[in-house]
Amino acid sequence: MPVTNTGLAAGPQALAARGSAVKYDKAYKVLGEGNFVLVVSEGTCGDRPTSFYDLYRIQNGKIAEHWDTLETIPPRADWKNPNGKF
């Protein structure tokens, strides 16, 4: 069976086509338990600094499901505390 464009690849490709390419720069945490893996990372979406939380469910050694959340990281002057995002 030929490999088709899955939702996991289609999302970033659609963002790139609109000028909002996703670029991962640094992974802060990779946590796994059972068949779930969470990756907490930082990068850009378009030209905006962004945090990424990606949760994967693994089945038979492959990604079976993926959920994510992206949040723009505000300029340091707008932070509500000195803790930072990560």
PDB file of N, CA and C in Angstrom:
ATOM      1  N   MET A   1       0.843  -1.162   0.000  1.00  0.00           N
ATOM      2  CA  MET A   1       0.000   0.000   0.000  1.00  0.00           C
ATOM      3  C   MET A   1       0.898   1.237   0.000  1.00  0.00           C
ATOM      4  N   PRO A   2       0.662   2.202  -0.880  1.00  0.00           N
ATOM      5  CA  PRO A   2       1.501   3.398  -0.914  1.00  0.00           C
ATOM      6  C   PRO A   2       1.274   4.272   0.317  1.00  0.00           C
ATOM      7  N   VAL A   3       2.321   4.969   0.711  1.00  0.00           N
ATOM      8  CA  VAL A   3       2.224   5.881   1.850  1.00  0.00           C
ATOM      9  C   VAL A   3       1.552   7.164   1.374  1.00  0.00           C
ATOM     10  N   THR A   4       0.551   7.603   2.116  1.00  0.00           N
ATOM     11  CA  THR A   4      -0.148   8.839   1.762  1.00  0.00           C
ATOM     12  C   THR A   4       0.192   9.921   2.765  1.00  0.00           C
ATOM     13  N   ASN A   5      -0.153  11.128   2.443  1.00  0.00           N
ATOM     14  CA  ASN A   5       0.091  12.258   3.328  1.00  0.00           C
ATOM     15  C   ASN A   5      -0.867  12.171   4.515  1.00  0.00           C
ATOM     16  N   THR A   6      -0.327  11.900   5.681  1.00  0.00           N
ATOM     17  CA  THR A   6      -1.158  11.761   6.875  1.00  0.00           C
ATOM     18  C   THR A   6      -1.419  13.115   7.504  1.00  0.00           C
ATOM     19  N   GLY A   7      -2.314  13.147   8.449  1.00  0.00           N
ATOM     20  CA  GLY A   7      -2.609  14.378   9.170  1.00  0.00           C
ATOM     21  C   GLY A   7      -1.388  14.931   9.881  1.00  0.00           C
ATOM     22  N   LEU A   8      -0.493  14.046  10.352  1.00  0.00           N
ATOM     23  CA  LEU A   8       0.696  14.497  11.061  1.00  0.00           C
ATOM     24  C   LEU A   8       1.593  15.333  10.145  1.00  0.00           C
ATOM     25  N   ALA A   9       1.696  14.965   8.894  1.00  0.00           N
ATOM     26  CA  ALA A   9       2.516  15.734   7.946  1.00  0.00           C
ATOM     27  C   ALA A   9       1.721  16.870   7.313  1.00  0.00           C
ATOM     28  N   ALA A  10       0.423  16.683   7.159  1.00  0.00           N
ATOM     29  CA  ALA A  10      -0.405  17.686   6.472  1.00  0.00           C
ATOM     30  C   ALA A  10      -0.488  18.998   7.241  1.00  0.00           C
ATOM     31  N   GLY A  11      -0.533  18.937   8.574  1.00  0.00           N
ATOM     32  CA  GLY A  11      -0.638  20.154   9.381  1.00  0.00           C
ATOM     33  C   GLY A  11       0.527  21.106   9.169  1.00  0.00           C
ATOM     34  N   PRO A  12       1.777  20.659   9.401  1.00  0.00           N
ATOM     35  CA  PRO A  12       2.916  21.549   9.184  1.00  0.00           C
ATOM     36  C   PRO A  12       3.057  22.003   7.726  1.00  0.00           C
ATOM     37  N   GLN A  13       2.698  21.132   6.783  1.00  0.00           N
ATOM     38  CA  GLN A  13       2.772  21.522   5.371  1.00  0.00           C
ATOM     39  C   GLN A  13       1.772  22.625   5.052  1.00  0.00           C
ATOM     40  N   ALA A  14       0.575  22.556   5.622  1.00  0.00           N
ATOM     41  CA  ALA A  14      -0.436  23.592   5.392  1.00  0.00           C
ATOM     42  C   ALA A  14       0.002  24.917   6.014  1.00  0.00           C
ATOM     43  N   LEU A  15       0.600  24.861   7.218  1.00  0.00           N
ATOM     44  CA  LEU A  15       1.095  26.084   7.852  1.00  0.00           C
ATOM     45  C   LEU A  15       2.211  26.712   7.013  1.00  0.00           C
ATOM     46  N   ALA A  16       3.124  25.904   6.511  1.00  0.00           N
ATOM     47  CA  ALA A  16       4.230  26.416   5.690  1.00  0.00           C
ATOM     48  C   ALA A  16       3.703  27.065   4.416  1.00  0.00           C
ATOM     49  N   ALA A  17       2.672  26.484   3.831  1.00  0.00           N
ATOM     50  CA  ALA A  17       2.095  27.038   2.603  1.00  0.00           C
ATOM     51  C   ALA A  17       1.477  28.417   2.855  1.00  0.00           C
ATOM     52  N   ARG A  18       1.045  28.671   4.087  1.00  0.00           N
ATOM     53  CA  ARG A  18       0.467  29.978   4.442  1.00  0.00           C
ATOM     54  C   ARG A  18       1.512  30.942   4.988  1.00  0.00           C
ATOM     55  N   GLY A  19       2.784  30.553   4.943  1.00  0.00           N
ATOM     56  CA  GLY A  19       3.840  31.429   5.442  1.00  0.00           C
ATOM     57  C   GLY A  19       4.072  31.333   6.935  1.00  0.00           C
ATOM     58  N   SER A  20       3.552  30.298   7.567  1.00  0.00           N
ATOM     59  CA  SER A  20       3.727  30.098   9.016  1.00  0.00           C
ATOM     60  C   SER A  20       4.450  28.788   9.283  1.00  0.00           C
ATOM     61  N   ALA A  21       5.598  28.628   8.655  1.00  0.00           N
ATOM     62  CA  ALA A  21       6.345  27.379   8.811  1.00  0.00           C
ATOM     63  C   ALA A  21       6.695  27.144  10.278  1.00  0.00           C
ATOM     64  N   VAL A  22       6.621  25.895  10.695  1.00  0.00           N
ATOM     65  CA  VAL A  22       6.954  25.498  12.061  1.00  0.00           C
ATOM     66  C   VAL A  22       8.408  25.043  12.082  1.00  0.00           C
ATOM     67  N   LYS A  23       9.179  25.594  13.018  1.00  0.00           N
ATOM     68  CA  LYS A  23      10.584  25.213  13.159  1.00  0.00           C
ATOM     69  C   LYS A  23      10.851  24.933  14.628  1.00  0.00           C
ATOM     70  N   TYR A  24      11.320  23.742  14.921  1.00  0.00           N
ATOM     71  CA  TYR A  24      11.683  23.365  16.280  1.00  0.00           C
ATOM     72  C   TYR A  24      13.153  23.695  16.495  1.00  0.00           C
ATOM     73  N   ASP A  25      13.469  24.426  17.581  1.00  0.00           N
ATOM     74  CA  ASP A  25      14.845  24.799  17.867  1.00  0.00           C
ATOM     75  C   ASP A  25      15.450  24.025  19.035  1.00  0.00           C
ATOM     76  N   LYS A  26      14.654  23.770  20.077  1.00  0.00           N
ATOM     77  CA  LYS A  26      15.194  23.112  21.262  1.00  0.00           C
ATOM     78  C   LYS A  26      14.116  22.286  21.945  1.00  0.00           C
ATOM     79  N   ALA A  27      14.463  21.043  22.261  1.00  0.00           N
ATOM     80  CA  ALA A  27      13.568  20.191  23.039  1.00  0.00           C
ATOM     81  C   ALA A  27      13.989  20.288  24.502  1.00  0.00           C
ATOM     82  N   TYR A  28      13.040  20.621  25.373  1.00  0.00           N
ATOM     83  CA  TYR A  28      13.329  20.752  26.798  1.00  0.00           C
ATOM     84  C   TYR A  28      13.076  19.462  27.557  1.00  0.00           C
ATOM     85  N   LYS A  29      12.019  18.756  27.177  1.00  0.00           N
ATOM     86  CA  LYS A  29      11.682  17.511  27.863  1.00  0.00           C
ATOM     87  C   LYS A  29      11.117  16.515  26.866  1.00  0.00           C
ATOM     88  N   VAL A  30      11.471  15.264  27.072  1.00  0.00           N
ATOM     89  CA  VAL A  30      10.848  14.151  26.358  1.00  0.00           C
ATOM     90  C   VAL A  30      10.476  13.153  27.448  1.00  0.00           C
ATOM     91  N   LEU A  31       9.183  12.978  27.655  1.00  0.00           N
ATOM     92  CA  LEU A  31       8.685  12.100  28.712  1.00  0.00           C
ATOM     93  C   LEU A  31       7.886  10.975  28.088  1.00  0.00           C
ATOM     94  N   GLY A  32       8.120   9.762  28.545  1.00  0.00           N
ATOM     95  CA  GLY A  32       7.370   8.631  28.026  1.00  0.00           C
ATOM     96  C   GLY A  32       6.855   7.757  29.144  1.00  0.00           C
ATOM     97  N   GLU A  33       5.643   7.267  28.949  1.00  0.00           N
ATOM     98  CA  GLU A  33       5.070   6.295  29.870  1.00  0.00           C
ATOM     99  C   GLU A  33       4.107   5.429  29.096  1.00  0.00           C
ATOM    100  N   GLY A  34       4.300   4.125  29.209  1.00  0.00           N
ATOM    101  CA  GLY A  34       3.447   3.211  28.442  1.00  0.00           C
ATOM    102  C   GLY A  34       3.616   3.483  26.959  1.00  0.00           C
ATOM    103  N   ASN A  35       2.512   3.708  26.291  1.00  0.00           N
ATOM    104  CA  ASN A  35       2.593   3.958  24.851  1.00  0.00           C
ATOM    105  C   ASN A  35       2.407   5.446  24.511  1.00  0.00           C
ATOM    106  N   PHE A  36       2.672   6.334  25.476  1.00  0.00           N
ATOM    107  CA  PHE A  36       2.563   7.775  25.247  1.00  0.00           C
ATOM    108  C   PHE A  36       3.921   8.454  25.401  1.00  0.00           C
ATOM    109  N   VAL A  37       4.173   9.443  24.558  1.00  0.00           N
ATOM    110  CA  VAL A  37       5.389  10.256  24.625  1.00  0.00           C
ATOM    111  C   VAL A  37       4.988  11.722  24.521  1.00  0.00           C
ATOM    112  N   LEU A  38       5.491  12.540  25.449  1.00  0.00           N
ATOM    113  CA  LEU A  38       5.257  13.980  25.433  1.00  0.00           C
ATOM    114  C   LEU A  38       6.579  14.671  25.137  1.00  0.00           C
ATOM    115  N   VAL A  39       6.567  15.586  24.168  1.00  0.00           N
ATOM    116  CA  VAL A  39       7.749  16.376  23.835  1.00  0.00           C
ATOM    117  C   VAL A  39       7.408  17.847  24.073  1.00  0.00           C
ATOM    118  N   VAL A  40       8.189  18.510  24.936  1.00  0.00           N
ATOM    119  CA  VAL A  40       8.022  19.929  25.248  1.00  0.00           C
ATOM    120  C   VAL A  40       9.189  20.651  24.587  1.00  0.00           C
ATOM    121  N   SER A  41       8.891  21.568  23.668  1.00  0.00           N
ATOM    122  CA  SER A  41       9.963  22.201  22.916  1.00  0.00           C
ATOM    123  C   SER A  41       9.642  23.653  22.582  1.00  0.00           C
ATOM    124  N   GLU A  42      10.645  24.301  22.010  1.00  0.00           N
ATOM    125  CA  GLU A  42      10.556  25.719  21.662  1.00  0.00           C
ATOM    126  C   GLU A  42      11.037  25.900  20.230  1.00  0.00           C
ATOM    127  N   GLY A  43      10.460  26.862  19.554  1.00  0.00           N
ATOM    128  CA  GLY A  43      10.880  27.170  18.193  1.00  0.00           C
ATOM    129  C   GLY A  43      10.126  28.368  17.688  1.00  0.00           C
ATOM    130  N   THR A  44       9.771  28.325  16.425  1.00  0.00           N
ATOM    131  CA  THR A  44       9.009  29.421  15.830  1.00  0.00           C
ATOM    132  C   THR A  44       7.876  28.866  14.986  1.00  0.00           C
ATOM    133  N   CYS A  45       6.824  29.645  14.916  1.00  0.00           N
ATOM    134  CA  CYS A  45       5.718  29.384  13.997  1.00  0.00           C
ATOM    135  C   CYS A  45       5.601  30.665  13.186  1.00  0.00           C
ATOM    136  N   GLY A  46       5.996  30.592  11.927  1.00  0.00           N
ATOM    137  CA  GLY A  46       6.163  31.809  11.150  1.00  0.00           C
ATOM    138  C   GLY A  46       7.368  32.534  11.717  1.00  0.00           C
ATOM    139  N   ASP A  47       7.202  33.756  12.143  1.00  0.00           N
ATOM    140  CA  ASP A  47       8.304  34.498  12.751  1.00  0.00           C
ATOM    141  C   ASP A  47       8.095  34.716  14.243  1.00  0.00           C
ATOM    142  N   ARG A  48       7.115  34.030  14.838  1.00  0.00           N
ATOM    143  CA  ARG A  48       6.793  34.214  16.256  1.00  0.00           C
ATOM    144  C   ARG A  48       7.444  33.133  17.127  1.00  0.00           C
ATOM    145  N   PRO A  49       8.135  33.528  18.213  1.00  0.00           N
ATOM    146  CA  PRO A  49       8.650  32.528  19.158  1.00  0.00           C
ATOM    147  C   PRO A  49       7.465  31.732  19.717  1.00  0.00           C
ATOM    148  N   THR A  50       7.612  30.420  19.748  1.00  0.00           N
ATOM    149  CA  THR A  50       6.472  29.559  20.078  1.00  0.00           C
ATOM    150  C   THR A  50       6.907  28.395  20.954  1.00  0.00           C
ATOM    151  N   SER A  51       6.034  28.014  21.895  1.00  0.00           N
ATOM    152  CA  SER A  51       6.238  26.780  22.654  1.00  0.00           C
ATOM    153  C   SER A  51       5.357  25.700  22.034  1.00  0.00           C
ATOM    154  N   PHE A  52       5.891  24.485  22.033  1.00  0.00           N
ATOM    155  CA  PHE A  52       5.181  23.343  21.452  1.00  0.00           C
ATOM    156  C   PHE A  52       5.073  22.235  22.496  1.00  0.00           C
ATOM    157  N   TYR A  53       3.890  21.706  22.648  1.00  0.00           N
ATOM    158  CA  TYR A  53       3.661  20.519  23.472  1.00  0.00           C
ATOM    159  C   TYR A  53       3.039  19.485  22.547  1.00  0.00           C
ATOM    160  N   ASP A  54       3.793  18.436  22.238  1.00  0.00           N
ATOM    161  CA  ASP A  54       3.329  17.383  21.330  1.00  0.00           C
ATOM    162  C   ASP A  54       3.182  16.088  22.112  1.00  0.00           C
ATOM    163  N   LEU A  55       2.004  15.488  22.054  1.00  0.00           N
ATOM    164  CA  LEU A  55       1.732  14.223  22.714  1.00  0.00           C
ATOM    165  C   LEU A  55       1.463  13.177  21.640  1.00  0.00           C
ATOM    166  N   TYR A  56       2.203  12.087  21.707  1.00  0.00           N
ATOM    167  CA  TYR A  56       2.075  11.006  20.727  1.00  0.00           C
ATOM    168  C   TYR A  56       1.632   9.728  21.413  1.00  0.00           C
ATOM    169  N   ARG A  57       0.766   8.975  20.741  1.00  0.00           N
ATOM    170  CA  ARG A  57       0.445   7.611  21.173  1.00  0.00           C
ATOM    171  C   ARG A  57       1.110   6.679  20.179  1.00  0.00           C
ATOM    172  N   ILE A  58       1.918   5.778  20.685  1.00  0.00           N
ATOM    173  CA  ILE A  58       2.685   4.866  19.853  1.00  0.00           C
ATOM    174  C   ILE A  58       1.999   3.506  19.835  1.00  0.00           C
ATOM    175  N   GLN A  59       1.930   2.914  18.658  1.00  0.00           N
ATOM    176  CA  GLN A  59       1.355   1.572  18.514  1.00  0.00           C
ATOM    177  C   GLN A  59       2.184   0.821  17.483  1.00  0.00           C
ATOM    178  N   ASN A  60       2.653  -0.343  17.855  1.00  0.00           N
ATOM    179  CA  ASN A  60       3.478  -1.167  16.967  1.00  0.00           C
ATOM    180  C   ASN A  60       4.692  -0.403  16.443  1.00  0.00           C
ATOM    181  N   GLY A  61       5.295   0.425  17.318  1.00  0.00           N
ATOM    182  CA  GLY A  61       6.506   1.152  16.957  1.00  0.00           C
ATOM    183  C   GLY A  61       6.295   2.353  16.049  1.00  0.00           C
ATOM    184  N   LYS A  62       5.051   2.747  15.834  1.00  0.00           N
ATOM    185  CA  LYS A  62       4.748   3.886  14.961  1.00  0.00           C
ATOM    186  C   LYS A  62       3.796   4.847  15.675  1.00  0.00           C
ATOM    187  N   ILE A  63       3.777   6.091  15.199  1.00  0.00           N
ATOM    188  CA  ILE A  63       2.850   7.070  15.753  1.00  0.00           C
ATOM    189  C   ILE A  63       1.437   6.709  15.301  1.00  0.00           C
ATOM    190  N   ALA A  64       0.563   6.440  16.268  1.00  0.00           N
ATOM    191  CA  ALA A  64      -0.823   6.105  15.958  1.00  0.00           C
ATOM    192  C   ALA A  64      -1.719   7.339  16.066  1.00  0.00           C
ATOM    193  N   GLU A  65      -1.414   8.211  17.044  1.00  0.00           N
ATOM    194  CA  GLU A  65      -2.192   9.443  17.235  1.00  0.00           C
ATOM    195  C   GLU A  65      -1.253  10.543  17.692  1.00  0.00           C
ATOM    196  N   HIS A  66      -1.657  11.783  17.428  1.00  0.00           N
ATOM    197  CA  HIS A  66      -0.854  12.946  17.817  1.00  0.00           C
ATOM    198  C   HIS A  66      -1.776  14.083  18.207  1.00  0.00           C
ATOM    199  N   TRP A  67      -1.461  14.722  19.337  1.00  0.00           N
ATOM    200  CA  TRP A  67      -2.162  15.919  19.779  1.00  0.00           C
ATOM    201  C   TRP A  67      -1.095  16.967  20.047  1.00  0.00           C
ATOM    202  N   ASP A  68      -1.427  18.221  19.824  1.00  0.00           N
ATOM    203  CA  ASP A  68      -0.444  19.260  20.109  1.00  0.00           C
ATOM    204  C   ASP A  68      -1.127  20.553  20.531  1.00  0.00           C
ATOM    205  N   THR A  69      -0.317  21.392  21.131  1.00  0.00           N
ATOM    206  CA  THR A  69      -0.744  22.748  21.422  1.00  0.00           C
ATOM    207  C   THR A  69       0.459  23.652  21.178  1.00  0.00           C
ATOM    208  N   LEU A  70       0.199  24.783  20.560  1.00  0.00           N
ATOM    209  CA  LEU A  70       1.224  25.780  20.275  1.00  0.00           C
ATOM    210  C   LEU A  70       0.807  27.065  20.963  1.00  0.00           C
ATOM    211  N   GLU A  71       1.770  27.749  21.556  1.00  0.00           N
ATOM    212  CA  GLU A  71       1.466  29.015  22.206  1.00  0.00           C
ATOM    213  C   GLU A  71       2.591  30.004  21.909  1.00  0.00           C
ATOM    214  N   THR A  72       2.218  31.181  21.443  1.00  0.00           N
ATOM    215  CA  THR A  72       3.209  32.223  21.195  1.00  0.00           C
ATOM    216  C   THR A  72       3.826  32.645  22.515  1.00  0.00           C
ATOM    217  N   ILE A  73       5.150  32.763  22.544  1.00  0.00           N
ATOM    218  CA  ILE A  73       5.862  33.208  23.737  1.00  0.00           C
ATOM    219  C   ILE A  73       5.960  34.728  23.659  1.00  0.00           C
ATOM    220  N   PRO A  74       5.383  35.431  24.631  1.00  0.00           N
ATOM    221  CA  PRO A  74       5.401  36.900  24.576  1.00  0.00           C
ATOM    222  C   PRO A  74       6.808  37.445  24.821  1.00  0.00           C
ATOM    223  N   PRO A  75       7.049  38.697  24.435  1.00  0.00           N
ATOM    224  CA  PRO A  75       8.333  39.333  24.756  1.00  0.00           C
ATOM    225  C   PRO A  75       8.548  39.340  26.271  1.00  0.00           C
ATOM    226  N   ARG A  76       9.788  39.267  26.689  1.00  0.00           N
ATOM    227  CA  ARG A  76      10.125  39.196  28.114  1.00  0.00           C
ATOM    228  C   ARG A  76       9.480  40.336  28.914  1.00  0.00           C
ATOM    229  N   ALA A  77       9.362  41.512  28.333  1.00  0.00           N
ATOM    230  CA  ALA A  77       8.758  42.658  29.029  1.00  0.00           C
ATOM    231  C   ALA A  77       7.289  42.418  29.375  1.00  0.00           C
ATOM    232  N   ASP A  78       6.639  41.487  28.670  1.00  0.00           N
ATOM    233  CA  ASP A  78       5.225  41.194  28.913  1.00  0.00           C
ATOM    234  C   ASP A  78       5.000  40.001  29.832  1.00  0.00           C
ATOM    235  N   TRP A  79       6.057  39.351  30.304  1.00  0.00           N
ATOM    236  CA  TRP A  79       5.907  38.202  31.192  1.00  0.00           C
ATOM    237  C   TRP A  79       5.286  38.637  32.509  1.00  0.00           C
ATOM    238  N   LYS A  80       4.458  37.793  33.080  1.00  0.00           N
ATOM    239  CA  LYS A  80       3.802  38.079  34.362  1.00  0.00           C
ATOM    240  C   LYS A  80       4.678  37.712  35.551  1.00  0.00           C
ATOM    241  N   ASN A  81       5.733  36.914  35.318  1.00  0.00           N
ATOM    242  CA  ASN A  81       6.689  36.539  36.363  1.00  0.00           C
ATOM    243  C   ASN A  81       8.027  36.250  35.693  1.00  0.00           C
ATOM    244  N   PRO A  82       9.102  36.099  36.447  1.00  0.00           N
ATOM    245  CA  PRO A  82      10.428  35.878  35.861  1.00  0.00           C
ATOM    246  C   PRO A  82      10.730  34.412  35.539  1.00  0.00           C
ATOM    247  N   ASN A  83       9.766  33.524  35.704  1.00  0.00           N
ATOM    248  CA  ASN A  83      10.005  32.087  35.549  1.00  0.00           C
ATOM    249  C   ASN A  83      10.255  31.660  34.112  1.00  0.00           C
ATOM    250  N   GLY A  84       9.709  32.357  33.151  1.00  0.00           N
ATOM    251  CA  GLY A  84       9.858  31.943  31.753  1.00  0.00           C
ATOM    252  C   GLY A  84       8.886  30.834  31.408  1.00  0.00           C
ATOM    253  N   LYS A  85       8.904  30.424  30.182  1.00  0.00           N
ATOM    254  CA  LYS A  85       7.954  29.421  29.682  1.00  0.00           C
ATOM    255  C   LYS A  85       8.364  28.011  30.087  1.00  0.00           C
ATOM    256  N   PHE A  86       9.652  27.780  30.205  1.00  0.00           N
ATOM    257  CA  PHE A  86      10.122  26.411  30.430  1.00  0.00           C
ATOM    258  C   PHE A  86      10.817  26.295  31.768  1.00  0.00           C
TER     259      PHE A  86
END
